Amino acid sequence: MPRASHSLLKNMPIRIRAANSPRVMFGDVVYAPGGTCGPRVQQEYQLVVLVEGGVTADVEGQERRLQPGEVGLFLPGRREMFTFSADP
């Protein structure tokens, strides 16, 4: 699997794959260990399925942790910050 080569790139996804229809978007994203996503305001409903590693999502000051095989539901209008585990 490719890895981010520069510390400033740790919040950039390594791979993005998506498929869209008029009402549903499906995709997967791979982040480098220790990567981040956000802060952002969620625009729509989002299900996050964690396949491997770990992630902590700070949603308006409340931390939610996901482990492999778990699913998180993220609701529109909330401020989020995702921090991915440093362990691959």
Protein backbone atom coordinates (compact mmCIF):
# COMPACT_ATOMS: atom_id res chain seq x y z
CA MET A 1 0.00 0.00 0.00
CA PRO A 2 1.38 3.48 -0.80
CA ARG A 3 2.34 5.72 2.09
CA ALA A 4 2.45 9.50 2.45
CA SER A 5 6.03 10.62 1.86
CA HIS A 6 5.97 13.96 3.67
CA SER A 7 4.65 14.81 7.14
CA LEU A 8 2.56 17.68 5.73
CA LEU A 9 0.70 15.16 3.57
CA LYS A 10 -0.51 13.02 6.48
CA ASN A 11 -4.01 14.47 6.19
CA MET A 12 -4.29 13.62 2.48
CA PRO A 13 -5.98 10.37 1.50
CA ILE A 14 -3.76 7.88 -0.28
CA ARG A 15 -6.53 6.48 -2.46
CA ILE A 16 -10.10 7.52 -3.19
CA ARG A 17 -12.62 5.41 -5.09
CA ALA A 18 -16.25 6.46 -5.52
CA ALA A 19 -19.47 5.64 -7.36
CA ASN A 20 -22.45 7.98 -7.50
CA SER A 21 -26.14 7.84 -8.29
CA PRO A 22 -28.68 10.68 -8.02
CA ARG A 23 -29.41 9.89 -4.34
CA VAL A 24 -26.48 7.82 -3.03
CA MET A 25 -22.70 8.15 -3.04
CA PHE A 26 -20.53 5.16 -2.19
CA GLY A 27 -16.78 5.26 -1.89
CA ASP A 28 -13.72 4.21 0.01
CA VAL A 29 -10.73 6.20 1.16
CA VAL A 30 -7.38 5.02 2.51
CA TYR A 31 -5.47 7.33 4.89
CA ALA A 32 -1.86 6.92 5.98
CA PRO A 33 -1.30 5.86 9.59
CA GLY A 34 -1.57 8.98 11.76
CA GLY A 35 -3.54 10.83 9.07
CA THR A 36 -6.34 13.29 9.72
CA CYS A 37 -9.49 14.50 7.99
CA GLY A 38 -11.05 17.79 8.99
CA PRO A 39 -12.12 19.79 10.69
CA ARG A 40 -15.18 19.80 8.48
CA VAL A 41 -18.93 20.27 8.74
CA GLN A 42 -20.77 17.15 7.61
CA GLN A 43 -23.05 18.01 4.68
CA GLU A 44 -25.13 14.81 4.46
CA TYR A 45 -25.70 11.55 6.28
CA GLN A 46 -22.57 9.40 6.19
CA LEU A 47 -21.91 5.83 7.24
CA VAL A 48 -18.23 5.19 7.98
CA VAL A 49 -17.24 1.51 7.92
CA LEU A 50 -13.76 0.94 9.31
CA VAL A 51 -11.98 -1.96 7.61
CA GLU A 52 -8.60 -1.82 9.37
CA GLY A 53 -6.69 0.38 11.80
CA GLY A 54 -8.55 2.68 14.16
CA VAL A 55 -10.05 6.14 14.07
CA THR A 56 -11.18 8.68 16.64
CA ALA A 57 -13.83 11.11 15.45
CA ASP A 58 -14.34 14.29 17.44
CA VAL A 59 -17.92 15.38 16.77
CA GLU A 60 -18.56 18.77 18.36
CA GLY A 61 -16.36 17.93 21.34
CA GLN A 62 -17.53 14.33 21.83
CA GLU A 63 -15.07 11.59 20.90
CA ARG A 64 -16.24 8.49 19.07
CA ARG A 65 -13.83 5.62 18.46
CA LEU A 66 -14.22 3.06 15.71
CA GLN A 67 -12.34 -0.22 15.45
CA PRO A 68 -12.23 -2.59 12.45
CA GLY A 69 -15.66 -3.99 11.63
CA GLU A 70 -17.54 -1.13 13.30
CA VAL A 71 -19.80 1.41 11.60
CA GLY A 72 -20.36 5.04 12.60
CA LEU A 73 -23.31 7.20 11.53
CA PHE A 74 -22.41 10.86 11.04
CA LEU A 75 -25.23 13.40 10.79
CA PRO A 76 -25.49 16.59 8.71
CA GLY A 77 -24.61 19.96 10.20
CA ARG A 78 -22.09 18.73 12.78
CA ARG A 79 -18.43 19.72 12.96
CA GLU A 80 -16.11 16.69 12.75
CA MET A 81 -12.41 15.93 12.99
CA PHE A 82 -11.11 12.42 12.23
CA THR A 83 -7.73 11.21 13.52
CA PHE A 84 -6.52 7.84 12.27
CA SER A 85 -4.41 5.51 14.38
CA ALA A 86 -0.65 5.75 13.92
CA ASP A 87 -0.53 1.94 13.89
CA PRO A 88 -1.07 0.54 10.38
